[in-house]
Amino acid sequence: MSNYRLTLFGLVVSVFIYFSIVFLELDLFEQFVAFLARLETYEIDEMIIPFLIFVVFLFTDTLRNNWKVQMENEKLNIYKAMLSSSHHILNNFIYQMDIFKLTAEDTPGFDAKVLSFYEDIISNASHQINSLSNLTTIDEFSIRTSVMKD
């Protein structure tokens, strides 16, 4: 119902005006025509139709721009929620992998190169997560380039 809020408002206003005209015996159309005739003396009547056309297009552009802004904000909110969830999952994974690192460090004869490689992998993953979290422009190119290796 909220999708038709303006339509319902227009219907209520129209019905109110109609009943006001009927019960109060107003001749609004004749008054409007008389008003336009008075404007003729000032030569303003030529500007009314172009002005109304301009207002209609301005209103349409404003609605379209508002809709686009709402859609972009919604996309941004979804992106941030997805990123936050991914960040949480990956941080949990990294913390759980620390158990394996501690076990490997305590294991005699475990190759130190493998531990170094592990540290590089974890550091790289953390860097990529932080890069994604700090994006200022949310588009495909920015997302792809933020996770590429330096």
N, C-alpha and C. Protein backbone atom coordinates (compact mmCIF):
# COMPACT_ATOMS: atom_id res chain seq x y z
N MET A 1 0.82 -1.20 0.00
CA MET A 1 0.00 0.00 0.00
C MET A 1 0.86 1.27 0.00
N SER A 2 2.04 1.17 0.63
CA SER A 2 2.90 2.36 0.68
C SER A 2 3.47 2.69 -0.70
N ASN A 3 3.46 1.72 -1.63
CA ASN A 3 3.93 2.00 -2.98
C ASN A 3 3.00 2.97 -3.71
N TYR A 4 1.76 3.04 -3.30
CA TYR A 4 0.77 3.90 -3.95
C TYR A 4 0.35 5.06 -3.04
N ARG A 5 1.22 5.45 -2.16
CA ARG A 5 0.93 6.50 -1.19
C ARG A 5 0.54 7.81 -1.88
N LEU A 6 1.30 8.21 -2.88
CA LEU A 6 0.99 9.47 -3.57
C LEU A 6 -0.30 9.35 -4.39
N THR A 7 -0.52 8.19 -4.97
CA THR A 7 -1.76 7.98 -5.74
C THR A 7 -2.97 8.08 -4.81
N LEU A 8 -2.88 7.45 -3.66
CA LEU A 8 -3.99 7.52 -2.70
C LEU A 8 -4.19 8.94 -2.19
N PHE A 9 -3.08 9.64 -1.95
CA PHE A 9 -3.19 11.02 -1.51
C PHE A 9 -3.86 11.87 -2.59
N GLY A 10 -3.47 11.66 -3.85
CA GLY A 10 -4.09 12.38 -4.96
C GLY A 10 -5.56 12.06 -5.08
N LEU A 11 -5.94 10.79 -4.86
CA LEU A 11 -7.34 10.40 -4.91
C LEU A 11 -8.14 11.10 -3.82
N VAL A 12 -7.61 11.13 -2.61
CA VAL A 12 -8.30 11.78 -1.49
C VAL A 12 -8.47 13.27 -1.75
N VAL A 13 -7.42 13.92 -2.24
CA VAL A 13 -7.50 15.35 -2.54
C VAL A 13 -8.51 15.61 -3.65
N SER A 14 -8.48 14.77 -4.67
CA SER A 14 -9.42 14.94 -5.80
C SER A 14 -10.87 14.77 -5.35
N VAL A 15 -11.12 13.74 -4.54
CA VAL A 15 -12.49 13.52 -4.04
C VAL A 15 -12.92 14.68 -3.17
N PHE A 16 -12.00 15.18 -2.32
CA PHE A 16 -12.33 16.31 -1.45
C PHE A 16 -12.68 17.54 -2.29
N ILE A 17 -11.86 17.81 -3.30
CA ILE A 17 -12.13 18.97 -4.16
C ILE A 17 -13.45 18.80 -4.89
N TYR A 18 -13.71 17.60 -5.40
CA TYR A 18 -14.96 17.35 -6.12
C TYR A 18 -16.17 17.62 -5.23
N PHE A 19 -16.17 17.05 -4.02
CA PHE A 19 -17.31 17.25 -3.13
C PHE A 19 -17.41 18.70 -2.66
N SER A 20 -16.27 19.36 -2.48
CA SER A 20 -16.29 20.78 -2.12
C SER A 20 -16.95 21.60 -3.23
N ILE A 21 -16.62 21.29 -4.48
CA ILE A 21 -17.20 22.00 -5.62
C ILE A 21 -18.70 21.75 -5.69
N VAL A 22 -19.10 20.49 -5.48
CA VAL A 22 -20.53 20.14 -5.59
C VAL A 22 -21.32 20.78 -4.46
N PHE A 23 -20.85 20.63 -3.22
CA PHE A 23 -21.63 21.13 -2.08
C PHE A 23 -21.58 22.65 -1.94
N LEU A 24 -20.47 23.26 -2.29
CA LEU A 24 -20.35 24.71 -2.16
C LEU A 24 -20.73 25.44 -3.44
N GLU A 25 -21.09 24.66 -4.45
CA GLU A 25 -21.50 25.19 -5.75
C GLU A 25 -20.45 26.18 -6.30
N LEU A 26 -19.21 25.72 -6.27
CA LEU A 26 -18.12 26.53 -6.80
C LEU A 26 -17.95 26.23 -8.28
N ASP A 27 -17.54 27.21 -9.02
CA ASP A 27 -17.24 27.03 -10.43
C ASP A 27 -15.73 27.22 -10.60
N LEU A 28 -14.96 26.24 -10.13
CA LEU A 28 -13.51 26.37 -10.16
C LEU A 28 -12.96 26.44 -11.57
N PHE A 29 -13.53 25.67 -12.48
CA PHE A 29 -13.03 25.69 -13.85
C PHE A 29 -13.24 27.07 -14.47
N GLU A 30 -14.42 27.65 -14.25
CA GLU A 30 -14.69 28.98 -14.80
C GLU A 30 -13.77 30.02 -14.16
N GLN A 31 -13.49 29.84 -12.87
CA GLN A 31 -12.58 30.76 -12.20
C GLN A 31 -11.16 30.61 -12.75
N PHE A 32 -10.79 29.38 -13.05
CA PHE A 32 -9.47 29.13 -13.62
C PHE A 32 -9.36 29.77 -15.01
N VAL A 33 -10.41 29.63 -15.82
CA VAL A 33 -10.43 30.23 -17.15
C VAL A 33 -10.38 31.75 -17.03
N ALA A 34 -11.09 32.31 -16.07
CA ALA A 34 -11.07 33.76 -15.86
C ALA A 34 -9.67 34.22 -15.42
N PHE A 35 -9.04 33.41 -14.59
CA PHE A 35 -7.68 33.73 -14.14
C PHE A 35 -6.74 33.74 -15.33
N LEU A 36 -6.87 32.74 -16.22
CA LEU A 36 -6.03 32.71 -17.41
C LEU A 36 -6.30 33.90 -18.33
N ALA A 37 -7.56 34.33 -18.39
CA ALA A 37 -7.91 35.50 -19.21
C ALA A 37 -7.25 36.76 -18.63
N ARG A 38 -7.21 36.86 -17.31
CA ARG A 38 -6.55 38.01 -16.68
C ARG A 38 -5.05 38.00 -16.96
N LEU A 39 -4.47 36.78 -17.01
CA LEU A 39 -3.05 36.68 -17.31
C LEU A 39 -2.75 37.12 -18.74
N GLU A 40 -3.74 37.00 -19.61
CA GLU A 40 -3.56 37.40 -21.01
C GLU A 40 -3.17 38.86 -21.11
N THR A 41 -3.70 39.69 -20.22
CA THR A 41 -3.37 41.12 -20.29
C THR A 41 -1.90 41.38 -19.96
N TYR A 42 -1.29 40.49 -19.18
CA TYR A 42 0.11 40.65 -18.82
C TYR A 42 1.04 39.82 -19.73
N GLU A 43 0.48 39.10 -20.67
CA GLU A 43 1.22 38.24 -21.59
C GLU A 43 2.03 37.16 -20.85
N ILE A 44 1.48 36.72 -19.73
CA ILE A 44 2.13 35.65 -18.95
C ILE A 44 1.61 34.29 -19.39
N ASP A 45 0.47 34.26 -20.04
CA ASP A 45 -0.16 32.99 -20.40
C ASP A 45 0.71 32.14 -21.33
N GLU A 46 1.59 32.76 -22.12
CA GLU A 46 2.46 32.01 -23.00
C GLU A 46 3.51 31.21 -22.22
N MET A 47 3.78 31.62 -21.01
CA MET A 47 4.79 30.95 -20.21
C MET A 47 4.22 29.79 -19.38
N ILE A 48 2.92 29.71 -19.23
CA ILE A 48 2.33 28.71 -18.35
C ILE A 48 2.58 27.28 -18.85
N ILE A 49 2.26 27.00 -20.10
CA ILE A 49 2.43 25.64 -20.61
C ILE A 49 3.90 25.23 -20.63
N PRO A 50 4.82 26.05 -21.14
CA PRO A 50 6.23 25.65 -21.05
C PRO A 50 6.70 25.45 -19.60
N PHE A 51 6.22 26.31 -18.70
CA PHE A 51 6.60 26.17 -17.30
C PHE A 51 6.06 24.86 -16.72
N LEU A 52 4.81 24.51 -17.03
CA LEU A 52 4.24 23.26 -16.54
C LEU A 52 5.00 22.06 -17.11
N ILE A 53 5.36 22.12 -18.38
CA ILE A 53 6.15 21.04 -18.98
C ILE A 53 7.49 20.92 -18.27
N PHE A 54 8.14 22.05 -18.02
CA PHE A 54 9.41 22.04 -17.30
C PHE A 54 9.25 21.43 -15.91
N VAL A 55 8.20 21.80 -15.20
CA VAL A 55 7.97 21.29 -13.85
C VAL A 55 7.75 19.77 -13.88
N VAL A 56 7.01 19.28 -14.86
CA VAL A 56 6.77 17.84 -14.97
C VAL A 56 8.09 17.11 -15.18
N PHE A 57 8.93 17.61 -16.09
CA PHE A 57 10.21 16.95 -16.33
C PHE A 57 11.16 17.09 -15.14
N LEU A 58 11.13 18.23 -14.48
CA LEU A 58 11.94 18.41 -13.28
C LEU A 58 11.52 17.43 -12.19
N PHE A 59 10.23 17.29 -12.00
CA PHE A 59 9.70 16.36 -11.01
C PHE A 59 10.09 14.92 -11.36
N THR A 60 9.98 14.58 -12.64
CA THR A 60 10.35 13.23 -13.08
C THR A 60 11.83 12.96 -12.85
N ASP A 61 12.68 13.92 -13.21
CA ASP A 61 14.12 13.76 -12.98
C ASP A 61 14.43 13.62 -11.50
N THR A 62 13.78 14.42 -10.68
CA THR A 62 14.00 14.36 -9.24
C THR A 62 13.62 12.99 -8.69
N LEU A 63 12.49 12.47 -9.12
CA LEU A 63 12.08 11.14 -8.67
C LEU A 63 13.07 10.07 -9.13
N ARG A 64 13.50 10.14 -10.38
CA ARG A 64 14.45 9.15 -10.89
C ARG A 64 15.78 9.23 -10.14
N ASN A 65 16.26 10.44 -9.89
CA ASN A 65 17.52 10.59 -9.17
C ASN A 65 17.40 10.09 -7.74
N ASN A 66 16.29 10.38 -7.09
CA ASN A 66 16.09 9.87 -5.73
C ASN A 66 16.06 8.35 -5.72
N TRP A 67 15.42 7.76 -6.73
CA TRP A 67 15.35 6.31 -6.82
C TRP A 67 16.75 5.73 -7.02
N LYS A 68 17.55 6.37 -7.89
CA LYS A 68 18.90 5.89 -8.12
C LYS A 68 19.75 5.99 -6.85
N VAL A 69 19.62 7.09 -6.14
CA VAL A 69 20.38 7.27 -4.90
C VAL A 69 19.97 6.21 -3.87
N GLN A 70 18.68 5.94 -3.77
CA GLN A 70 18.21 4.91 -2.85
C GLN A 70 18.78 3.54 -3.23
N MET A 71 18.79 3.24 -4.52
CA MET A 71 19.31 1.95 -4.97
C MET A 71 20.81 1.84 -4.68
N GLU A 72 21.55 2.91 -4.92
CA GLU A 72 22.99 2.89 -4.64
C GLU A 72 23.25 2.74 -3.14
N ASN A 73 22.47 3.43 -2.32
CA ASN A 73 22.63 3.30 -0.88
C ASN A 73 22.30 1.88 -0.42
N GLU A 74 21.28 1.28 -1.02
CA GLU A 74 20.93 -0.09 -0.67
C GLU A 74 22.04 -1.06 -1.08
N LYS A 75 22.60 -0.85 -2.27
CA LYS A 75 23.71 -1.68 -2.71
C LYS A 75 24.91 -1.53 -1.77
N LEU A 76 25.17 -0.30 -1.36
CA LEU A 76 26.29 -0.05 -0.45
C LEU A 76 26.05 -0.74 0.90
N ASN A 77 24.83 -0.67 1.40
CA ASN A 77 24.52 -1.34 2.67
C ASN A 77 24.68 -2.85 2.55
N ILE A 78 24.23 -3.41 1.43
CA ILE A 78 24.38 -4.85 1.22
C ILE A 78 25.86 -5.22 1.13
N TYR A 79 26.63 -4.41 0.40
CA TYR A 79 28.06 -4.67 0.28
C TYR A 79 28.73 -4.64 1.65
N LYS A 80 28.40 -3.63 2.45
CA LYS A 80 29.01 -3.51 3.78
C LYS A 80 28.62 -4.68 4.68
N ALA A 81 27.37 -5.11 4.60
CA ALA A 81 26.94 -6.26 5.41
C ALA A 81 27.66 -7.53 4.97
N MET A 82 27.78 -7.73 3.65
CA MET A 82 28.49 -8.90 3.13
C MET A 82 29.95 -8.86 3.53
N LEU A 83 30.55 -7.69 3.42
CA LEU A 83 31.95 -7.54 3.77
C LEU A 83 32.18 -7.79 5.26
N SER A 84 31.31 -7.27 6.08
CA SER A 84 31.42 -7.47 7.52
C SER A 84 31.30 -8.95 7.87
N SER A 85 30.36 -9.63 7.24
CA SER A 85 30.19 -11.06 7.50
C SER A 85 31.40 -11.85 7.03
N SER A 86 31.91 -11.52 5.85
CA SER A 86 33.10 -12.20 5.33
C SER A 86 34.31 -11.94 6.22
N HIS A 87 34.41 -10.72 6.67
CA HIS A 87 35.51 -10.34 7.57
C HIS A 87 35.45 -11.16 8.85
N HIS A 88 34.28 -11.32 9.38
CA HIS A 88 34.09 -12.11 10.61
C HIS A 88 34.48 -13.57 10.37
N ILE A 89 34.01 -14.15 9.27
CA ILE A 89 34.31 -15.55 8.96
C ILE A 89 35.81 -15.75 8.78
N LEU A 90 36.44 -14.86 8.01
CA LEU A 90 37.87 -15.02 7.76
C LEU A 90 38.71 -14.79 9.02
N ASN A 91 38.31 -13.87 9.86
CA ASN A 91 39.04 -13.67 11.11
C ASN A 91 38.92 -14.90 12.00
N ASN A 92 37.74 -15.50 12.05
CA ASN A 92 37.59 -16.74 12.83
C ASN A 92 38.50 -17.83 12.26
N PHE A 93 38.56 -17.93 10.95
CA PHE A 93 39.43 -18.92 10.31
C PHE A 93 40.89 -18.67 10.67
N ILE A 94 41.31 -17.42 10.60
CA ILE A 94 42.71 -17.09 10.92
C ILE A 94 43.02 -17.43 12.37
N TYR A 95 42.12 -17.11 13.28
CA TYR A 95 42.36 -17.41 14.69
C TYR A 95 42.41 -18.92 14.91
N GLN A 96 41.58 -19.67 14.22
CA GLN A 96 41.61 -21.12 14.36
C GLN A 96 42.88 -21.71 13.75
N MET A 97 43.36 -21.10 12.69
CA MET A 97 44.61 -21.57 12.08
C MET A 97 45.81 -21.30 12.99
N ASP A 98 45.68 -20.35 13.90
CA ASP A 98 46.76 -20.09 14.85
C ASP A 98 47.02 -21.31 15.73
N ILE A 99 46.00 -22.12 15.97
CA ILE A 99 46.18 -23.36 16.75
C ILE A 99 47.15 -24.28 16.02
N PHE A 100 46.98 -24.38 14.69
CA PHE A 100 47.90 -25.20 13.91
C PHE A 100 49.32 -24.62 13.94
N LYS A 101 49.40 -23.30 13.91
CA LYS A 101 50.72 -22.66 13.95
C LYS A 101 51.41 -22.95 15.28
N LEU A 102 50.66 -22.82 16.37
CA LEU A 102 51.24 -23.10 17.69
C LEU A 102 51.69 -24.55 17.79
N THR A 103 50.89 -25.44 17.24
CA THR A 103 51.25 -26.86 17.25
C THR A 103 52.51 -27.09 16.42
N ALA A 104 52.57 -26.44 15.26
CA ALA A 104 53.74 -26.59 14.39
C ALA A 104 54.99 -26.03 15.06
N GLU A 105 54.87 -24.90 15.76
CA GLU A 105 56.03 -24.31 16.45
C GLU A 105 56.52 -25.22 17.57
N ASP A 106 55.61 -25.93 18.21
CA ASP A 106 55.98 -26.82 19.32
C ASP A 106 56.46 -28.19 18.84
N THR A 107 56.27 -28.45 17.56
CA THR A 107 56.69 -29.75 17.02
C THR A 107 58.16 -29.67 16.66
N PRO A 108 58.99 -30.54 17.28
CA PRO A 108 60.42 -30.51 16.96
C PRO A 108 60.66 -30.94 15.51
N GLY A 109 61.53 -30.23 14.86
CA GLY A 109 61.91 -30.56 13.50
C GLY A 109 60.96 -30.04 12.44
N PHE A 110 59.95 -29.25 12.82
CA PHE A 110 59.02 -28.71 11.83
C PHE A 110 59.76 -27.65 11.03
N ASP A 111 59.59 -27.66 9.73
CA ASP A 111 60.32 -26.76 8.84
C ASP A 111 59.93 -25.30 9.09
N ALA A 112 60.93 -24.47 9.37
CA ALA A 112 60.69 -23.05 9.65
C ALA A 112 60.22 -22.31 8.40
N LYS A 113 60.60 -22.81 7.21
CA LYS A 113 60.16 -22.19 5.96
C LYS A 113 58.64 -22.31 5.80
N VAL A 114 58.10 -23.42 6.24
CA VAL A 114 56.65 -23.62 6.15
C VAL A 114 55.94 -22.64 7.07
N LEU A 115 56.49 -22.42 8.27
CA LEU A 115 55.91 -21.44 9.19
C LEU A 115 56.00 -20.03 8.61
N SER A 116 57.10 -19.72 7.96
CA SER A 116 57.26 -18.41 7.34
C SER A 116 56.24 -18.25 6.20
N PHE A 117 56.08 -19.32 5.41
CA PHE A 117 55.10 -19.30 4.33
C PHE A 117 53.69 -19.11 4.89
N TYR A 118 53.41 -19.78 6.00
CA TYR A 118 52.11 -19.64 6.67
C TYR A 118 51.88 -18.20 7.10
N GLU A 119 52.89 -17.58 7.69
CA GLU A 119 52.80 -16.18 8.13
C GLU A 119 52.52 -15.25 6.94
N ASP A 120 53.17 -15.52 5.81
CA ASP A 120 52.95 -14.71 4.61
C ASP A 120 51.51 -14.84 4.11
N ILE A 121 51.01 -16.07 4.13
CA ILE A 121 49.63 -16.31 3.67
C ILE A 121 48.64 -15.56 4.56
N ILE A 122 48.81 -15.68 5.86
CA ILE A 122 47.90 -15.02 6.81
C ILE A 122 48.02 -13.51 6.68
N SER A 123 49.21 -12.99 6.54
CA SER A 123 49.42 -11.55 6.39
C SER A 123 48.77 -11.04 5.10
N ASN A 124 48.93 -11.79 4.02
CA ASN A 124 48.34 -11.41 2.75
C ASN A 124 46.81 -11.40 2.84
N ALA A 125 46.24 -12.42 3.45
CA ALA A 125 44.78 -12.50 3.59
C ALA A 125 44.27 -11.33 4.44
N SER A 126 44.98 -11.02 5.52
CA SER A 126 44.57 -9.90 6.38
C SER A 126 44.65 -8.58 5.62
N HIS A 127 45.71 -8.43 4.84
CA HIS A 127 45.88 -7.20 4.04
C HIS A 127 44.74 -7.05 3.04
N GLN A 128 44.37 -8.13 2.35
CA GLN A 128 43.29 -8.09 1.37
C GLN A 128 41.94 -7.77 2.04
N ILE A 129 41.70 -8.35 3.21
CA ILE A 129 40.45 -8.05 3.93
C ILE A 129 40.40 -6.58 4.30
N ASN A 130 41.51 -6.06 4.80
CA ASN A 130 41.55 -4.64 5.17
C ASN A 130 41.41 -3.74 3.96
N SER A 131 42.00 -4.14 2.81
CA SER A 131 41.85 -3.35 1.59
C SER A 131 40.39 -3.29 1.15
N LEU A 132 39.71 -4.41 1.23
CA LEU A 132 38.28 -4.42 0.88
C LEU A 132 37.47 -3.56 1.84
N SER A 133 37.85 -3.59 3.09
CA SER A 133 37.10 -2.82 4.10
C SER A 133 37.28 -1.32 3.94
N ASN A 134 38.37 -0.90 3.33
CA ASN A 134 38.67 0.53 3.23
C ASN A 134 38.38 1.13 1.86
N LEU A 135 37.62 0.43 1.03
CA LEU A 135 37.28 0.97 -0.29
C LEU A 135 36.43 2.22 -0.15
N THR A 136 36.72 3.20 -0.99
CA THR A 136 35.91 4.42 -0.99
C THR A 136 34.92 4.41 -2.14
N THR A 137 35.28 3.73 -3.24
CA THR A 137 34.41 3.60 -4.40
C THR A 137 34.03 2.14 -4.55
N ILE A 138 32.74 1.87 -4.54
CA ILE A 138 32.28 0.49 -4.62
C ILE A 138 31.89 0.19 -6.07
N ASP A 139 32.81 -0.41 -6.80
CA ASP A 139 32.52 -0.89 -8.15
C ASP A 139 33.41 -2.11 -8.42
N GLU A 140 33.14 -2.78 -9.52
CA GLU A 140 33.84 -4.04 -9.81
C GLU A 140 35.35 -3.82 -9.92
N PHE A 141 35.76 -2.77 -10.60
CA PHE A 141 37.19 -2.52 -10.79
C PHE A 141 37.88 -2.27 -9.46
N SER A 142 37.29 -1.45 -8.60
CA SER A 142 37.90 -1.14 -7.30
C SER A 142 38.02 -2.39 -6.43
N ILE A 143 36.99 -3.21 -6.46
CA ILE A 143 37.01 -4.43 -5.64
C ILE A 143 38.10 -5.38 -6.14
N ARG A 144 38.16 -5.56 -7.45
CA ARG A 144 39.17 -6.48 -8.02
C ARG A 144 40.59 -5.97 -7.76
N THR A 145 40.83 -4.68 -7.95
CA THR A 145 42.19 -4.17 -7.77
C THR A 145 42.60 -4.11 -6.30
N SER A 146 41.64 -4.03 -5.39
CA SER A 146 42.00 -3.95 -3.98
C SER A 146 42.54 -5.26 -3.44
N VAL A 147 42.22 -6.38 -4.09
CA VAL A 147 42.69 -7.68 -3.58
C VAL A 147 43.85 -8.25 -4.40
N MET A 148 44.29 -7.50 -5.42
CA MET A 148 45.45 -7.97 -6.18
C MET A 148 46.70 -7.80 -5.35
N LYS A 149 47.66 -8.70 -5.58
CA LYS A 149 48.92 -8.65 -4.83
C LYS A 149 49.68 -7.40 -5.23
N ASP A 150 50.32 -6.81 -4.23
CA ASP A 150 51.15 -5.62 -4.47
C ASP A 150 52.44 -5.98 -5.15
